Amino acid sequence: MKNVKYIKKINITFTTPNLNAGGAERVITVLANEFDRELFNVTLVVFGFKKDAKYSIDNIKTIFLNKPRVLQGVKKMHNYLRAHKPDVVLSVVEHLNTVMGYLSLFHKQTLFVGREVNVLSVLEGFYKPQSIIEKYIYRKRFQLLDAIICQSNDMKQDLIEHYQVPSSKLFKINNPISSDFKLKTSERNPNILKCITVARLVKPKGHSRILEALSKINFPFHYTIIGNGPEKDTIIKQVNHLNIQKHITFVSHTNEVTQYLQQSDLYLQGSYVEGFPNAVIESCAVGTPVLAFKAPGGLNEIIKDAENGYIVDNDLAFVDKLENIQKNYHFSPRDVSKFATTMFEQGKIIKEYEGLIIQLFKSKTNKV
C-alpha cells in the first residue's frame, strides 16, 4: 500500500499486555517507534509495568497502566479512551484483542484494529476446551473489531474457514525484520553442527520433537535453547532422559539474540502452529538457515527449499535432513539472507501498516 499523505495527523494508540521478551511485544514496539510522526501522533499504552520492559521505548510516548493482568486494567483503559479519544487503537494478542473489541462498544468514535498472532483453530487443540460462554466471549471480538491484521495467509484462511470472519475485515501483513539483525561473517566449524531455537517453552513450540530428533543423530552437535516458560522443567527432564545434556545450553533471556543466531549453523523450528515466526525470519536475516517441521503459520512464505532451509513432514525426515545438512552444508549466509531481508524489510512492512491504517481511517471518516 502507498504511504499517502493525509491532511490530519491520525492519533494512534498501540496497546499491549506488557513489554516482556516476545514476538508480539517486539513488533508492537517497532511499529510504535517507526510510524511516521508527520502522519501520526503515536502513544503506546502498556497494561503491565515499566520495570518489565525489554524493548526500547525512549522515543515513544508511553503510558503504563501498572496492572499484572489485562482484565485488571480494563477500567483504566476505558478511562484513557474516554479522555484521549484516539482515532485508532491497534492491539495485539488474542485476549487483549477480545477486551478491546468489547471496549469498542463504548467508544464508537475510535477505529479498533486487532493484530492476531496465531492460527487459532490449531492452537486451541493444545489447551483445555472452552465452555460455550467462553467460546462466545472469545470469538465475539471478530465481530466487534473494525479490522483484523493477519501475519500469514494460513492465519487469514483459518479465520475465514473456522471463525466465519468476513474476508473484507482481514488484512495480511507479515512481520518485519528489525534493522538490528546483521549478516554473519564468521566461518563455521565443519566438525560440529551448532543449532539454535528461540521460542517460549510451551508445548505448541515443539521442543520435545526437536530433542527426540537430536538424540538420534550420530555426529557432534550443540543445541542452544533460548526462552522460558511453563514447560522448562519438562524439557530439562527430557534432555536428561535422552542423555544429551552435555550437548544442550539453556538461555532464559538475552538481549544478544542476534549474536546467538550469527554463531549458529542451523535454526531448528519444532512448532506445531505459528502466526508468523519472528525468530525464523530473524535467523534467515543473519544468514542462518532453518530446518522446520511442516506446520500452519507462514513457514511456506518464509522458507524456500534448499535456498534458506527446509520444511519436512515428520520426525524421520527431520533426522535425515539433519544428517544431510551436516554432510553437505551448502548454505551461503548472503543467499540465506537475501529473500527474507527483501520480503520482510522493516521499512517495507511499516509502510504497509501505515497505508492500511490511513485507508481504514479514511473509510471510517467518510462513513460518519
Protein backbone atom coordinates (compact mmCIF):
# COMPACT_ATOMS: atom_id res chain seq x y z
CA MET A 1 0.00 0.00 0.00
CA LYS A 2 1.17 3.52 -0.76
CA ASN A 3 2.01 5.72 2.17
CA VAL A 4 -0.27 8.60 1.14
CA LYS A 5 -0.03 11.95 2.91
CA TYR A 6 -3.17 12.79 4.88
CA ILE A 7 -4.22 16.32 5.90
CA LYS A 8 -4.98 15.49 9.54
CA LYS A 9 -2.49 13.67 11.71
CA ILE A 10 -4.00 10.41 12.89
CA ASN A 11 -3.90 9.87 16.64
CA ILE A 12 -3.00 6.20 17.01
CA THR A 13 -2.64 4.24 20.22
CA PHE A 14 -0.75 0.96 20.20
CA THR A 15 -1.53 -1.27 23.15
CA THR A 16 0.00 -4.46 24.52
CA PRO A 17 -0.37 -6.51 27.73
CA ASN A 18 3.32 -5.99 28.55
CA LEU A 19 6.75 -5.42 27.05
CA ASN A 20 8.24 -8.75 28.09
CA ALA A 21 10.52 -10.57 25.67
CA GLY A 22 8.32 -11.92 22.89
CA GLY A 23 7.48 -11.65 19.22
CA ALA A 24 4.26 -9.65 19.57
CA GLU A 25 5.87 -7.27 22.04
CA ARG A 26 8.84 -6.69 19.75
CA VAL A 27 6.65 -5.98 16.73
CA ILE A 28 4.38 -3.53 18.58
CA THR A 29 7.46 -1.69 19.85
CA VAL A 30 8.91 -1.49 16.33
CA LEU A 31 5.62 -0.11 15.00
CA ALA A 32 5.32 2.47 17.76
CA ASN A 33 8.93 3.55 17.26
CA GLU A 34 8.89 3.72 13.48
CA PHE A 35 5.46 5.09 12.49
CA ASP A 36 5.90 8.36 10.57
CA ARG A 37 5.47 11.24 13.03
CA GLU A 38 4.44 13.54 10.17
CA LEU A 39 1.40 11.32 9.64
CA PHE A 40 0.68 10.01 13.12
CA ASN A 41 0.62 11.09 16.75
CA VAL A 42 1.75 7.89 18.47
CA THR A 43 1.02 6.69 22.00
CA LEU A 44 1.86 3.28 23.45
CA VAL A 45 -0.35 2.00 26.29
CA VAL A 46 1.06 -0.95 28.23
CA PHE A 47 -1.14 -2.79 30.72
CA GLY A 48 1.94 -4.02 32.63
CA PHE A 49 4.91 -2.37 34.31
CA LYS A 50 7.82 -0.29 33.08
CA LYS A 51 10.28 -2.39 35.09
CA ASP A 52 9.45 -5.41 32.90
CA ALA A 53 10.11 -3.64 29.59
CA LYS A 54 12.66 -5.49 27.46
CA TYR A 55 12.42 -3.17 24.44
CA SER A 56 13.45 0.43 23.84
CA ILE A 57 10.61 2.94 24.32
CA ASP A 58 12.73 6.07 24.85
CA ASN A 59 11.28 7.78 21.77
CA ILE A 60 7.66 6.76 22.35
CA LYS A 61 5.02 8.49 24.47
CA THR A 62 4.26 5.54 26.74
CA ILE A 63 1.63 5.07 29.43
CA PHE A 64 1.89 2.14 31.83
CA LEU A 65 -1.34 1.04 33.50
CA ASN A 66 0.68 -0.95 36.07
CA LYS A 67 -1.60 -3.96 36.16
CA PRO A 68 -0.36 -7.59 36.20
CA ARG A 69 -3.29 -8.79 34.09
CA VAL A 70 -5.22 -7.25 31.21
CA LEU A 71 -8.60 -7.71 32.89
CA GLN A 72 -7.40 -5.72 35.90
CA GLY A 73 -6.59 -2.78 33.63
CA VAL A 74 -9.89 -2.60 31.72
CA LYS A 75 -11.26 0.33 33.75
CA LYS A 76 -8.03 2.32 33.31
CA MET A 77 -8.03 1.63 29.58
CA HIS A 78 -11.67 2.70 29.33
CA ASN A 79 -10.82 5.96 31.14
CA TYR A 80 -7.87 6.53 28.81
CA LEU A 81 -10.05 6.07 25.72
CA ARG A 82 -12.72 8.38 27.13
CA ALA A 83 -10.19 11.10 27.96
CA HIS A 84 -8.00 10.95 24.84
CA LYS A 85 -10.41 9.72 22.15
CA PRO A 86 -7.75 8.28 19.81
CA ASP A 87 -8.64 7.94 16.16
CA VAL A 88 -7.23 4.41 16.02
CA VAL A 89 -6.30 1.72 18.55
CA LEU A 90 -4.13 -1.17 17.41
CA SER A 91 -3.93 -4.05 19.90
CA VAL A 92 -2.00 -7.33 19.88
CA VAL A 93 -2.63 -10.92 21.09
CA GLU A 94 -5.95 -12.68 21.42
CA HIS A 95 -7.04 -11.85 24.98
CA LEU A 96 -6.24 -8.15 24.62
CA ASN A 97 -7.98 -8.03 21.26
CA THR A 98 -11.05 -9.53 22.96
CA VAL A 99 -11.02 -6.82 25.64
CA MET A 100 -10.55 -4.05 23.07
CA GLY A 101 -13.38 -5.48 20.99
CA TYR A 102 -15.80 -5.11 23.90
CA LEU A 103 -14.47 -1.66 24.80
CA SER A 104 -15.20 -0.61 21.22
CA LEU A 105 -18.90 -0.73 22.11
CA PHE A 106 -18.39 2.32 24.35
CA HIS A 107 -16.04 4.27 22.05
CA LYS A 108 -17.70 4.47 18.68
CA GLN A 109 -15.53 7.37 17.55
CA THR A 110 -12.41 5.17 17.60
CA LEU A 111 -11.34 2.63 14.98
CA PHE A 112 -10.30 -0.64 16.65
CA VAL A 113 -7.78 -2.87 14.86
CA GLY A 114 -6.60 -6.19 16.28
CA ARG A 115 -3.38 -7.93 15.31
CA GLU A 116 -3.81 -11.68 15.71
CA VAL A 117 -0.77 -13.83 16.45
CA ASN A 118 -1.64 -17.45 15.70
CA VAL A 119 -3.60 -19.98 13.67
CA LEU A 120 -6.26 -20.31 16.33
CA SER A 121 -8.10 -23.48 15.31
CA VAL A 122 -4.85 -25.47 15.63
CA LEU A 123 -3.63 -23.69 18.76
CA GLU A 124 -6.88 -24.38 20.62
CA GLY A 125 -6.11 -28.10 20.46
CA PHE A 126 -3.23 -27.62 22.92
CA TYR A 127 -5.33 -26.14 25.70
CA LYS A 128 -8.35 -27.20 27.72
CA PRO A 129 -11.67 -26.88 25.88
CA GLN A 130 -13.56 -23.65 26.45
CA SER A 131 -17.10 -23.56 27.76
CA ILE A 132 -19.83 -22.35 25.41
CA ILE A 133 -19.86 -18.96 27.17
CA GLU A 134 -16.06 -18.64 26.99
CA LYS A 135 -16.12 -19.51 23.29
CA TYR A 136 -18.79 -16.90 22.64
CA ILE A 137 -16.95 -14.17 24.55
CA TYR A 138 -13.64 -15.12 22.95
CA ARG A 139 -14.89 -15.25 19.36
CA LYS A 140 -17.18 -12.23 19.57
CA ARG A 141 -14.13 -9.98 19.12
CA PHE A 142 -14.06 -10.82 15.42
CA GLN A 143 -17.45 -9.15 15.04
CA LEU A 144 -16.62 -6.19 17.29
CA LEU A 145 -13.22 -5.19 15.89
CA ASP A 146 -13.26 -2.96 12.81
CA ALA A 147 -10.34 -4.79 11.20
CA ILE A 148 -8.03 -7.71 11.90
CA ILE A 149 -4.41 -7.95 10.79
CA CYS A 150 -3.19 -11.46 9.98
CA GLN A 151 0.50 -12.26 9.79
CA SER A 152 0.21 -15.03 7.22
CA ASN A 153 -2.08 -16.47 4.56
CA ASP A 154 -2.62 -19.52 6.80
CA MET A 155 -3.92 -17.31 9.61
CA LYS A 156 -6.22 -15.40 7.29
CA GLN A 157 -7.67 -18.57 5.78
CA ASP A 158 -8.15 -20.09 9.23
CA LEU A 159 -10.23 -17.11 10.40
CA ILE A 160 -12.39 -17.33 7.29
CA GLU A 161 -12.95 -21.09 7.42
CA HIS A 162 -13.21 -21.78 11.16
CA TYR A 163 -14.45 -18.49 12.61
CA GLN A 164 -16.55 -17.15 9.72
CA VAL A 165 -14.77 -13.80 9.74
CA PRO A 166 -15.61 -11.84 6.56
CA SER A 167 -12.60 -11.54 4.29
CA SER A 168 -13.35 -7.80 3.99
CA LYS A 169 -12.25 -7.41 7.64
CA LEU A 170 -8.98 -9.29 7.20
CA PHE A 171 -5.68 -7.81 6.06
CA LYS A 172 -2.43 -9.73 5.75
CA ILE A 173 0.78 -8.01 6.76
CA ASN A 174 3.88 -10.09 7.53
CA ASN A 175 6.17 -9.36 10.46
CA PRO A 176 9.13 -7.02 9.93
CA ILE A 177 12.80 -7.87 10.30
CA SER A 178 14.48 -5.50 12.71
CA SER A 179 17.35 -3.44 11.34
CA ASP A 180 19.42 -4.81 14.26
CA PHE A 181 19.95 -8.14 12.51
CA LYS A 182 23.27 -8.04 10.64
CA LEU A 183 24.68 -10.67 8.29
CA LYS A 184 27.15 -13.01 9.98
CA THR A 185 30.73 -13.08 8.79
CA SER A 186 32.48 -15.85 10.73
CA GLU A 187 33.24 -19.24 9.14
CA ARG A 188 31.53 -22.30 10.57
CA ASN A 189 33.33 -25.22 12.17
CA PRO A 190 32.52 -28.22 9.92
CA ASN A 191 33.24 -30.68 12.74
CA ILE A 192 30.20 -29.73 14.82
CA LEU A 193 26.69 -28.59 13.92
CA LYS A 194 25.61 -25.69 16.12
CA CYS A 195 21.83 -25.47 16.31
CA ILE A 196 19.51 -22.98 17.98
CA THR A 197 15.85 -22.35 18.79
CA VAL A 198 14.44 -19.09 20.16
CA ALA A 199 10.93 -19.68 21.49
CA ARG A 200 8.77 -19.67 24.60
CA LEU A 201 8.92 -23.03 26.38
CA VAL A 202 5.36 -24.21 25.79
CA LYS A 203 4.01 -27.37 24.17
CA PRO A 204 2.92 -25.83 20.83
CA LYS A 205 6.55 -24.79 20.16
CA GLY A 206 7.54 -28.45 19.76
CA HIS A 207 10.85 -28.51 21.65
CA SER A 208 10.15 -32.14 22.55
CA ARG A 209 10.24 -33.44 18.99
CA ILE A 210 13.41 -31.49 18.22
CA LEU A 211 15.14 -33.09 21.20
CA GLU A 212 13.97 -36.56 20.13
CA ALA A 213 15.43 -35.98 16.69
CA LEU A 214 18.75 -34.70 18.04
CA SER A 215 19.07 -37.76 20.26
CA LYS A 216 19.10 -39.93 17.11
CA ILE A 217 21.89 -38.24 15.14
CA ASN A 218 25.41 -39.68 15.02
CA PHE A 219 27.66 -36.64 14.70
CA PRO A 220 28.81 -33.90 17.10
CA PHE A 221 26.27 -31.13 17.70
CA HIS A 222 25.39 -28.43 20.16
CA TYR A 223 21.88 -27.08 20.68
CA THR A 224 21.11 -23.72 22.31
CA ILE A 225 17.56 -23.16 23.56
CA ILE A 226 16.70 -19.52 24.22
CA GLY A 227 13.46 -18.91 26.05
CA ASN A 228 11.49 -19.52 29.22
CA GLY A 229 8.06 -20.85 30.05
CA PRO A 230 5.97 -23.42 31.92
CA GLU A 231 7.43 -26.42 30.07
CA LYS A 232 11.04 -25.74 31.11
CA ASP A 233 11.20 -28.44 33.81
CA THR A 234 9.61 -30.98 31.46
CA ILE A 235 12.11 -30.14 28.73
CA ILE A 236 15.06 -30.44 31.12
CA LYS A 237 13.79 -33.84 32.27
CA GLN A 238 13.55 -34.98 28.66
CA VAL A 239 17.11 -33.79 27.97
CA ASN A 240 18.35 -35.82 30.94
CA HIS A 241 16.28 -38.84 29.95
CA LEU A 242 17.74 -38.76 26.42
CA ASN A 243 21.24 -38.35 27.93
CA ILE A 244 22.10 -35.38 25.70
CA GLN A 245 22.57 -32.79 28.45
CA LYS A 246 26.23 -32.18 27.56
CA HIS A 247 25.06 -31.00 24.11
CA ILE A 248 22.42 -28.54 25.35
CA THR A 249 22.65 -24.97 26.63
CA PHE A 250 19.62 -23.19 28.11
CA VAL A 251 19.41 -19.39 27.98
CA SER A 252 16.32 -17.99 29.72
CA HIS A 253 16.62 -14.47 28.35
CA THR A 254 19.18 -12.44 26.46
CA ASN A 255 19.44 -9.14 24.65
CA GLU A 256 22.04 -10.74 22.38
CA VAL A 257 19.75 -12.89 20.21
CA THR A 258 21.43 -11.59 17.06
CA GLN A 259 24.84 -12.81 18.22
CA TYR A 260 23.49 -16.24 19.15
CA LEU A 261 21.85 -16.59 15.73
CA GLN A 262 25.04 -15.46 13.99
CA GLN A 263 27.10 -18.03 15.88
CA SER A 264 24.76 -20.88 14.93
CA ASP A 265 24.76 -23.07 11.81
CA LEU A 266 21.11 -24.06 11.78
CA TYR A 267 17.85 -22.84 13.30
CA LEU A 268 15.52 -25.64 14.39
CA GLN A 269 11.78 -24.96 14.25
CA GLY A 270 9.61 -27.51 16.01
CA SER A 271 6.33 -25.62 16.31
CA TYR A 272 3.03 -27.35 15.62
CA VAL A 273 1.48 -23.99 14.81
CA GLU A 274 2.65 -20.38 14.43
CA GLY A 275 1.32 -16.99 13.42
CA PHE A 276 4.37 -15.85 11.51
CA PRO A 277 7.53 -16.88 13.36
CA ASN A 278 9.74 -13.87 14.11
CA ALA A 279 12.72 -15.96 15.13
CA VAL A 280 12.69 -17.83 11.80
CA ILE A 281 12.84 -14.67 9.69
CA GLU A 282 15.44 -13.19 12.05
CA SER A 283 17.59 -16.30 11.69
CA CYS A 284 17.38 -16.04 7.91
CA ALA A 285 18.21 -12.33 8.13
CA VAL A 286 21.60 -13.04 9.73
CA GLY A 287 22.29 -15.86 7.26
CA THR A 288 21.49 -18.91 9.39
CA PRO A 289 19.24 -21.41 7.53
CA VAL A 290 16.20 -23.11 9.05
CA LEU A 291 15.09 -26.71 9.38
CA ALA A 292 11.39 -26.80 10.25
CA PHE A 293 8.59 -29.26 10.74
CA LYS A 294 5.67 -28.59 8.43
CA ALA A 295 3.07 -26.54 10.30
CA PRO A 296 0.48 -23.85 9.57
CA GLY A 297 1.54 -20.28 10.18
CA GLY A 298 3.50 -18.84 7.29
CA LEU A 299 6.57 -21.08 7.12
CA ASN A 300 5.90 -21.64 3.43
CA GLU A 301 6.04 -17.87 2.93
CA ILE A 302 9.49 -17.67 4.55
CA ILE A 303 11.42 -20.85 3.74
CA LYS A 304 12.46 -21.54 0.16
CA ASP A 305 13.57 -25.15 -0.25
CA ALA A 306 17.36 -25.54 -0.29
CA GLU A 307 17.82 -21.75 -0.54
CA ASN A 308 17.38 -20.76 3.08
CA GLY A 309 16.32 -24.03 4.67
CA TYR A 310 13.94 -26.96 4.52
CA ILE A 311 10.46 -27.90 5.68
CA VAL A 312 9.91 -31.59 6.47
CA ASP A 313 6.81 -33.65 7.17
CA ASN A 314 7.79 -35.88 10.08
CA ASP A 315 10.37 -36.92 12.68
CA LEU A 316 12.22 -39.36 10.40
CA ALA A 317 12.58 -36.76 7.67
CA PHE A 318 13.84 -34.24 10.24
CA VAL A 319 16.61 -36.61 11.36
CA ASP A 320 17.53 -37.47 7.77
CA LYS A 321 17.74 -33.81 6.84
CA LEU A 322 19.96 -33.07 9.85
CA GLU A 323 22.33 -35.80 8.68
CA ASN A 324 22.34 -34.49 5.11
CA ILE A 325 22.91 -30.89 6.18
CA GLN A 326 25.93 -31.85 8.25
CA LYS A 327 27.39 -33.91 5.39
CA ASN A 328 26.76 -31.25 2.76
CA TYR A 329 26.41 -27.83 4.33
CA HIS A 330 25.98 -25.70 1.23
CA PHE A 331 24.34 -22.58 2.64
CA SER A 332 25.85 -19.17 1.97
CA PRO A 333 24.86 -16.54 4.60
CA ARG A 334 24.25 -13.96 1.88
CA ASP A 335 21.98 -16.29 -0.11
CA VAL A 336 20.07 -17.33 3.02
CA SER A 337 19.52 -13.70 3.98
CA LYS A 338 18.55 -12.33 0.56
CA PHE A 339 14.90 -13.44 0.33
CA ALA A 340 13.93 -12.64 3.92
CA THR A 341 15.58 -9.24 4.03
CA THR A 342 13.91 -8.26 0.76
CA MET A 343 10.41 -9.51 1.59
CA PHE A 344 10.23 -8.58 5.26
CA GLU A 345 12.42 -5.49 5.41
CA GLN A 346 11.29 -3.25 8.26
CA GLY A 347 10.68 -0.11 6.21
CA LYS A 348 8.53 -2.01 3.71
CA ILE A 349 6.36 -3.58 6.42
CA ILE A 350 5.99 -0.28 8.31
CA LYS A 351 4.68 1.37 5.12
CA GLU A 352 2.15 -1.45 4.72
CA TYR A 353 0.90 -0.84 8.27
CA GLU A 354 0.77 2.93 7.77
CA GLY A 355 -1.04 2.57 4.45
CA LEU A 356 -3.61 0.23 5.95
CA ILE A 357 -4.31 2.49 8.94
CA ILE A 358 -4.74 5.52 6.65
CA GLN A 359 -7.04 3.54 4.37
CA LEU A 360 -9.19 2.29 7.28
CA PHE A 361 -9.31 5.70 8.94
CA LYS A 362 -10.36 7.48 5.73
CA SER A 363 -13.05 4.84 5.13
CA LYS A 364 -14.44 5.23 8.67
CA THR A 365 -14.33 9.04 8.43
CA ASN A 366 -16.21 9.03 5.14
CA LYS A 367 -18.98 6.92 6.71
CA VAL A 368 -19.52 9.35 9.58
